[in-house]
Amino acid sequence: MVDANGKTADLKLRLSSEAMQTLRERANGHSLDEFVSTLLEAEMRRPTMDELLAPVRAEFAASGMSEDEINDLGKALINDVRRERRERRTTGG
């Protein structure tokens, strides 16, 4: 792994024997160090759930809707989608 200064950092992990076996299988001949480093680096680039939801939360806050109104809207949207799916199944299209 590479830190902000372009240097690598070491990390010690404790894993169950089952997890180690799965890692070996998934590494598919690559070194475990490289494989685990690649997995962790990829995971750290992914946004967190809070980061993903921040724009949605901001829109809801700006909308002025109450939590109950937002829940009702969500339920109505879900019901609309379900009704459309049922109609497609019954009409074959």
Protein backbone atom coordinates (compact mmCIF):
# COMPACT_ATOMS: atom_id res chain seq x y z
CA MET A 1 0.00 0.00 0.00
CA VAL A 2 1.19 3.54 -0.67
CA ASP A 3 0.64 6.41 1.79
CA ALA A 4 0.17 10.11 0.98
CA ASN A 5 3.94 10.54 0.66
CA GLY A 6 4.22 7.74 -1.88
CA LYS A 7 5.53 5.28 0.67
CA THR A 8 4.16 1.88 1.48
CA ALA A 9 2.72 0.88 4.84
CA ASP A 10 2.53 -2.60 6.32
CA LEU A 11 -0.59 -4.07 7.87
CA LYS A 12 -0.87 -7.21 9.96
CA LEU A 13 -4.13 -9.16 9.76
CA ARG A 14 -5.62 -12.00 11.79
CA LEU A 15 -7.90 -14.16 9.71
CA SER A 16 -9.65 -17.44 10.28
CA SER A 17 -8.29 -20.48 8.50
CA GLU A 18 -11.44 -20.47 6.34
CA ALA A 19 -10.80 -16.88 5.27
CA MET A 20 -7.17 -17.68 4.50
CA GLN A 21 -8.21 -20.65 2.37
CA THR A 22 -10.70 -18.49 0.46
CA LEU A 23 -8.02 -15.85 -0.10
CA ARG A 24 -5.61 -18.43 -1.46
CA GLU A 25 -8.26 -19.76 -3.81
CA ARG A 26 -9.29 -16.32 -5.03
CA ALA A 27 -5.70 -15.13 -5.40
CA ASN A 28 -5.44 -17.75 -8.14
CA GLY A 29 -1.66 -18.07 -8.05
CA HIS A 30 -0.90 -14.41 -7.24
CA SER A 31 0.85 -13.59 -3.99
CA LEU A 32 -1.50 -13.10 -1.06
CA ASP A 33 0.14 -9.76 -0.24
CA GLU A 34 -0.56 -8.43 -3.73
CA PHE A 35 -4.06 -9.85 -3.82
CA VAL A 36 -5.10 -8.46 -0.43
CA SER A 37 -3.48 -5.10 -1.20
CA THR A 38 -5.42 -4.90 -4.46
CA LEU A 39 -8.69 -5.75 -2.68
CA LEU A 40 -8.15 -3.16 0.03
CA GLU A 41 -7.04 -0.45 -2.38
CA ALA A 42 -10.15 -1.02 -4.52
CA GLU A 43 -12.42 -0.95 -1.47
CA MET A 44 -10.91 2.30 -0.21
CA ARG A 45 -11.65 3.98 -3.56
CA ARG A 46 -15.34 3.10 -3.30
CA PRO A 47 -17.54 5.78 -1.74
CA THR A 48 -19.15 5.05 1.60
CA MET A 49 -22.92 4.75 1.92
CA ASP A 50 -22.98 8.16 3.62
CA GLU A 51 -21.07 9.68 0.70
CA LEU A 52 -23.46 8.10 -1.79
CA LEU A 53 -26.55 9.25 0.08
CA ALA A 54 -25.36 12.80 0.86
CA PRO A 55 -26.88 14.40 -2.30
CA VAL A 56 -30.20 12.61 -1.75
CA ARG A 57 -30.31 13.67 1.89
CA ALA A 58 -29.50 17.25 0.90
CA GLU A 59 -32.33 17.26 -1.66
CA PHE A 60 -34.80 15.93 0.88
CA ALA A 61 -33.69 18.51 3.43
CA ALA A 62 -34.06 21.29 0.85
CA SER A 63 -37.51 20.02 -0.21
CA GLY A 64 -39.05 21.01 3.11
CA MET A 65 -40.97 17.72 3.20
CA SER A 66 -41.53 16.02 6.54
CA GLU A 67 -40.18 12.54 7.14
CA ASP A 68 -43.72 11.16 6.93
CA GLU A 69 -44.28 12.89 3.58
CA ILE A 70 -41.04 11.46 2.22
CA ASN A 71 -41.99 7.97 3.45
CA ASP A 72 -45.43 8.29 1.85
CA LEU A 73 -43.83 9.40 -1.42
CA GLY A 74 -41.45 6.42 -1.34
CA LYS A 75 -44.30 3.99 -0.67
CA ALA A 76 -46.35 5.50 -3.50
CA LEU A 77 -43.41 5.15 -5.91
CA ILE A 78 -42.88 1.52 -4.90
CA ASN A 79 -46.57 0.79 -5.41
CA ASP A 80 -46.47 2.45 -8.84
CA VAL A 81 -43.52 0.30 -9.92
CA ARG A 82 -45.19 -2.87 -8.63
CA ARG A 83 -48.44 -2.01 -10.44
CA GLU A 84 -46.53 -1.36 -13.70
CA ARG A 85 -44.74 -4.71 -13.39
CA ARG A 86 -48.01 -6.55 -12.78
CA GLU A 87 -49.57 -4.85 -15.80
CA ARG A 88 -46.63 -5.82 -18.00
CA ARG A 89 -46.87 -9.43 -16.86
CA THR A 90 -50.61 -9.63 -17.50
CA THR A 91 -50.43 -7.93 -20.91
CA GLY A 92 -47.28 -9.77 -21.97
CA GLY A 93 -45.39 -6.59 -22.73
